[in-house]
C-alpha atoms as a PDB file:
ATOM      1  CA  MET A   1     125.555  86.462 153.824  1.00  0.00           C
ATOM      2  CA  PHE A   2     122.005  87.937 153.720  1.00  0.00           C
ATOM      3  CA  LEU A   3     120.792  85.149 156.270  1.00  0.00           C
ATOM      4  CA  ILE A   4     123.726  86.005 158.559  1.00  0.00           C
ATOM      5  CA  LEU A   5     122.874  89.712 158.574  1.00  0.00           C
ATOM      6  CA  ARG A   6     119.263  88.979 159.212  1.00  0.00           C
ATOM      7  CA  ILE A   7     120.174  86.763 162.243  1.00  0.00           C
ATOM      8  CA  VAL A   8     122.584  89.317 163.653  1.00  0.00           C
ATOM      9  CA  LEU A   9     119.882  92.202 163.223  1.00  0.00           C
ATOM     10  CA  GLY A  10     117.277  89.983 164.815  1.00  0.00           C
ATOM     11  CA  ILE A  11     119.524  89.276 167.889  1.00  0.00           C
ATOM     12  CA  VAL A  12     120.503  93.028 168.110  1.00  0.00           C
ATOM     13  CA  PHE A  13     116.857  94.038 168.008  1.00  0.00           C
ATOM     14  CA  PHE A  14     116.042  91.283 170.621  1.00  0.00           C
ATOM     15  CA  ILE A  15     118.833  92.653 173.020  1.00  0.00           C
ATOM     16  CA  LEU A  16     117.523  96.142 172.526  1.00  0.00           C
ATOM     17  CA  GLY A  17     114.120  95.014 173.380  1.00  0.00           C
ATOM     18  CA  ILE A  18     115.397  93.522 176.704  1.00  0.00           C
ATOM     19  CA  ILE A  19     117.195  96.758 177.509  1.00  0.00           C
ATOM     20  CA  GLY A  20     114.071  98.797 176.486  1.00  0.00           C
ATOM     21  CA  SER A  21     111.851  96.708 178.844  1.00  0.00           C
ATOM     22  CA  LEU A  22     114.228  97.455 181.709  1.00  0.00           C
ATOM     23  CA  LEU A  23     114.861 101.206 181.090  1.00  0.00           C
ATOM     24  CA  PRO A  24     111.893 103.543 181.298  1.00  0.00           C
ATOM     25  CA  ILE A  25     113.166 105.868 178.457  1.00  0.00           C
ATOM     26  CA  MET A  26     113.136 103.285 175.675  1.00  0.00           C
ATOM     27  CA  GLN A  27     110.081 101.324 174.331  1.00  0.00           C
ATOM     28  CA  GLY A  28     111.052  97.584 174.397  1.00  0.00           C
ATOM     29  CA  TRP A  29     108.012  96.252 172.517  1.00  0.00           C
ATOM     30  CA  ILE A  30     109.047  98.021 169.297  1.00  0.00           C
ATOM     31  CA  PHE A  31     112.399  96.107 169.189  1.00  0.00           C
ATOM     32  CA  PHE A  32     110.734  92.804 170.138  1.00  0.00           C
ATOM     33  CA  LEU A  33     108.324  93.296 167.251  1.00  0.00           C
ATOM     34  CA  LEU A  34     111.261  94.123 164.942  1.00  0.00           C
ATOM     35  CA  SER A  35     113.247  91.136 166.026  1.00  0.00           C
ATOM     36  CA  ALA A  36     110.239  88.794 165.433  1.00  0.00           C
ATOM     37  CA  LEU A  37     109.728  90.168 162.030  1.00  0.00           C
ATOM     38  CA  VAL A  38     113.456  89.918 161.185  1.00  0.00           C
ATOM     39  CA  LEU A  39     113.957  86.493 162.537  1.00  0.00           C
ATOM     40  CA  PHE A  40     110.782  84.914 161.344  1.00  0.00           C
ATOM     41  CA  PRO A  41     109.819  86.763 158.078  1.00  0.00           C
ATOM     42  CA  ARG A  42     107.227  84.223 156.805  1.00  0.00           C
ATOM     43  CA  SER A  43     105.576  83.341 160.061  1.00  0.00           C
ATOM     44  CA  ARG A  44     101.806  83.814 160.478  1.00  0.00           C
ATOM     45  CA  PHE A  45     102.627  86.524 162.891  1.00  0.00           C
ATOM     46  CA  ALA A  46     104.663  88.563 160.403  1.00  0.00           C
ATOM     47  CA  ILE A  47     102.001  88.083 157.753  1.00  0.00           C
ATOM     48  CA  LYS A  48      99.120  89.138 159.947  1.00  0.00           C
ATOM     49  CA  ALA A  49     101.180  92.095 161.382  1.00  0.00           C
ATOM     50  CA  CYS A  50     101.894  93.325 157.948  1.00  0.00           C
ATOM     51  CA  GLN A  51      98.266  92.864 156.905  1.00  0.00           C
ATOM     52  CA  LYS A  52      97.035  94.816 159.929  1.00  0.00           C
ATOM     53  CA  ILE A  53      99.294  97.815 159.550  1.00  0.00           C
ATOM     54  CA  GLU A  54      99.127  98.015 155.710  1.00  0.00           C
ATOM     55  CA  PRO A  55      96.136 100.433 155.762  1.00  0.00           C
ATOM     56  CA  LYS A  56      97.968 102.909 158.013  1.00  0.00           C
ATOM     57  CA  MET A  57     101.461 102.500 156.636  1.00  0.00           C
ATOM     58  CA  PRO A  58     101.311 101.159 153.092  1.00  0.00           C
ATOM     59  CA  ARG A  59     104.845 102.338 152.097  1.00  0.00           C
ATOM     60  CA  MET A  60     106.458 100.751 155.128  1.00  0.00           C
ATOM     61  CA  VAL A  61     104.544  97.402 154.316  1.00  0.00           C
ATOM     62  CA  ALA A  62     105.772  97.561 150.723  1.00  0.00           C
ATOM     63  CA  ARG A  63     109.405  98.070 151.806  1.00  0.00           C
ATOM     64  CA  LEU A  64     109.010  95.169 154.295  1.00  0.00           C
ATOM     65  CA  ARG A  65     107.710  92.923 151.543  1.00  0.00           C
ATOM     66  CA  ARG A  66     110.484  93.980 149.207  1.00  0.00           C
ATOM     67  CA  TRP A  67     112.941  92.687 152.011  1.00  0.00           C
ATOM     68  CA  GLY A  68     110.917  89.472 152.157  1.00  0.00           C
ATOM     69  CA  ILE A  69     109.157  90.071 155.442  1.00  0.00           C
ATOM     70  CA  GLY A  70     105.475  89.199 155.735  1.00  0.00           C
ATOM     71  CA  ILE A  71     105.030  87.644 152.360  1.00  0.00           C
ATOM     72  CA  PRO A  72     102.484  84.843 152.543  1.00  0.00           C
ATOM     73  CA  PRO A  73     103.492  81.393 151.323  1.00  0.00           C
ATOM     74  CA  GLU A  74     102.322  80.393 147.976  1.00  0.00           C
ATOM     75  CA  ASP A  75     100.970  77.042 146.751  1.00  0.00           C
ATOM     76  CA  ARG A  76     102.307  75.139 143.808  1.00  0.00           C
ATOM     77  CA  ASP A  77     100.199  77.019 141.290  1.00  0.00           C
ATOM     78  CA  GLY A  78     101.701  80.417 142.495  1.00  0.00           C
ATOM     79  CA  ASP A  79      98.392  81.580 144.143  1.00  0.00           C
ATOM     80  CA  PRO A  80      98.554  82.902 147.756  1.00  0.00           C
ATOM     81  CA  VAL A  81      97.414  80.277 150.287  1.00  0.00           C
ATOM     82  CA  GLU A  82      94.792  81.649 152.641  1.00  0.00           C
ATOM     83  CA  THR A  83      95.890  81.976 156.264  1.00  0.00           C
END
């Protein structure tokens, strides 16, 4: 159920990004960023994006990590793998 919700949200954000890139009153890049984070939560892009914005918005990054977005993969010992 959670996976279906994540996919639907990612597609909706992507469609809003396309609409936003065509309309001058909406910023499309924000929705493209959200769709990438929702559809690919453990990608290198999501991890680096969360690390980059963490000093400016620590509460937002903490919330994203609670939702499973931007969490680096762990090796078998449980230690984070360097990216």
